[in-house]
């Protein structure tokens, strides 16, 4: 898996870390970011389909 580096505002990272750990939803910050990216891409695909920019046969 390729590695990337990104700058994140401290407040956003702090909020994200509240959801990471043994008793929380994500096992790591990286896992949380991957999940967020997947969800965003799924939502963008839905929007693109609605707008006629992509169709299920184009995937």
C-alpha atoms as a PDB file:
ATOM      1  CA  UNK A   1       0.000   0.000   0.000  1.00  0.00           C
ATOM      2  CA  UNK A   2       1.502   3.381  -0.953  1.00  0.00           C
ATOM      3  CA  UNK A   3       2.169   5.829   1.848  1.00  0.00           C
ATOM      4  CA  UNK A   4       1.202   9.486   1.668  1.00  0.00           C
ATOM      5  CA  UNK A   5       1.854  12.511   3.802  1.00  0.00           C
ATOM      6  CA  UNK A   6      -0.609  15.300   4.460  1.00  0.00           C
ATOM      7  CA  UNK A   7      -0.982  18.384   6.586  1.00  0.00           C
ATOM      8  CA  UNK A   8      -4.020  18.417   8.865  1.00  0.00           C
ATOM      9  CA  UNK A   9      -5.113  21.270  11.119  1.00  0.00           C
ATOM     10  CA  UNK A  10      -4.435  20.419  14.778  1.00  0.00           C
ATOM     11  CA  UNK A  11      -8.100  20.828  15.721  1.00  0.00           C
ATOM     12  CA  UNK A  12      -9.210  18.373  13.034  1.00  0.00           C
ATOM     13  CA  UNK A  13      -6.581  15.817  14.069  1.00  0.00           C
ATOM     14  CA  UNK A  14      -7.556  16.195  17.723  1.00  0.00           C
ATOM     15  CA  UNK A  15     -11.225  15.599  16.888  1.00  0.00           C
ATOM     16  CA  UNK A  16     -10.305  12.599  14.738  1.00  0.00           C
ATOM     17  CA  UNK A  17      -8.194  11.028  17.501  1.00  0.00           C
ATOM     18  CA  UNK A  18     -11.247  11.028  19.799  1.00  0.00           C
ATOM     19  CA  UNK A  19     -12.622   8.244  17.586  1.00  0.00           C
ATOM     20  CA  UNK A  20      -9.437   6.139  17.522  1.00  0.00           C
ATOM     21  CA  UNK A  21      -8.463   3.433  20.008  1.00  0.00           C
ATOM     22  CA  UNK A  22      -9.499   0.140  21.559  1.00  0.00           C
ATOM     23  CA  UNK A  23     -12.897   1.381  22.729  1.00  0.00           C
ATOM     24  CA  UNK A  24     -13.658   3.452  19.635  1.00  0.00           C
ATOM     25  CA  UNK A  25     -14.619   2.957  15.999  1.00  0.00           C
ATOM     26  CA  UNK A  26     -11.179   3.088  14.345  1.00  0.00           C
ATOM     27  CA  UNK A  27      -7.982   1.214  15.173  1.00  0.00           C
ATOM     28  CA  UNK A  28      -5.714   4.011  13.956  1.00  0.00           C
ATOM     29  CA  UNK A  29      -5.755   7.519  12.511  1.00  0.00           C
ATOM     30  CA  UNK A  30      -4.751   6.008   9.159  1.00  0.00           C
ATOM     31  CA  UNK A  31      -7.745   3.651   9.314  1.00  0.00           C
ATOM     32  CA  UNK A  32     -10.061   6.584  10.045  1.00  0.00           C
ATOM     33  CA  UNK A  33      -8.677   8.599   7.124  1.00  0.00           C
ATOM     34  CA  UNK A  34      -8.914   5.628   4.718  1.00  0.00           C
ATOM     35  CA  UNK A  35     -12.519   5.051   5.765  1.00  0.00           C
ATOM     36  CA  UNK A  36     -13.368   8.733   5.338  1.00  0.00           C
ATOM     37  CA  UNK A  37     -11.800   8.777   1.857  1.00  0.00           C
ATOM     38  CA  UNK A  38     -13.744   5.689   0.787  1.00  0.00           C
ATOM     39  CA  UNK A  39     -17.003   7.173   2.065  1.00  0.00           C
ATOM     40  CA  UNK A  40     -16.337  10.499   0.314  1.00  0.00           C
ATOM     41  CA  UNK A  41     -15.558   8.741  -2.989  1.00  0.00           C
ATOM     42  CA  UNK A  42     -18.756   6.667  -2.705  1.00  0.00           C
ATOM     43  CA  UNK A  43     -20.760   9.853  -2.108  1.00  0.00           C
ATOM     44  CA  UNK A  44     -19.099  11.580  -5.073  1.00  0.00           C
ATOM     45  CA  UNK A  45     -19.960   8.592  -7.291  1.00  0.00           C
ATOM     46  CA  UNK A  46     -23.616   8.889  -6.241  1.00  0.00           C
ATOM     47  CA  UNK A  47     -23.620  12.615  -7.016  1.00  0.00           C
ATOM     48  CA  UNK A  48     -21.936  12.012 -10.386  1.00  0.00           C
ATOM     49  CA  UNK A  49     -24.540   9.363 -11.274  1.00  0.00           C
ATOM     50  CA  UNK A  50     -27.368  11.745 -10.376  1.00  0.00           C
ATOM     51  CA  UNK A  51     -25.813  14.462 -12.518  1.00  0.00           C
ATOM     52  CA  UNK A  52     -25.348  12.072 -15.432  1.00  0.00           C
ATOM     53  CA  UNK A  53     -21.555  12.339 -15.361  1.00  0.00           C
ATOM     54  CA  UNK A  54     -21.075   8.598 -14.859  1.00  0.00           C
ATOM     55  CA  UNK A  55     -23.228   5.528 -15.203  1.00  0.00           C
ATOM     56  CA  UNK A  56     -22.936   2.094 -13.702  1.00  0.00           C
ATOM     57  CA  UNK A  57     -21.706   0.779 -17.072  1.00  0.00           C
ATOM     58  CA  UNK A  58     -18.826   3.322 -17.068  1.00  0.00           C
ATOM     59  CA  UNK A  59     -17.218   1.951 -13.912  1.00  0.00           C
END
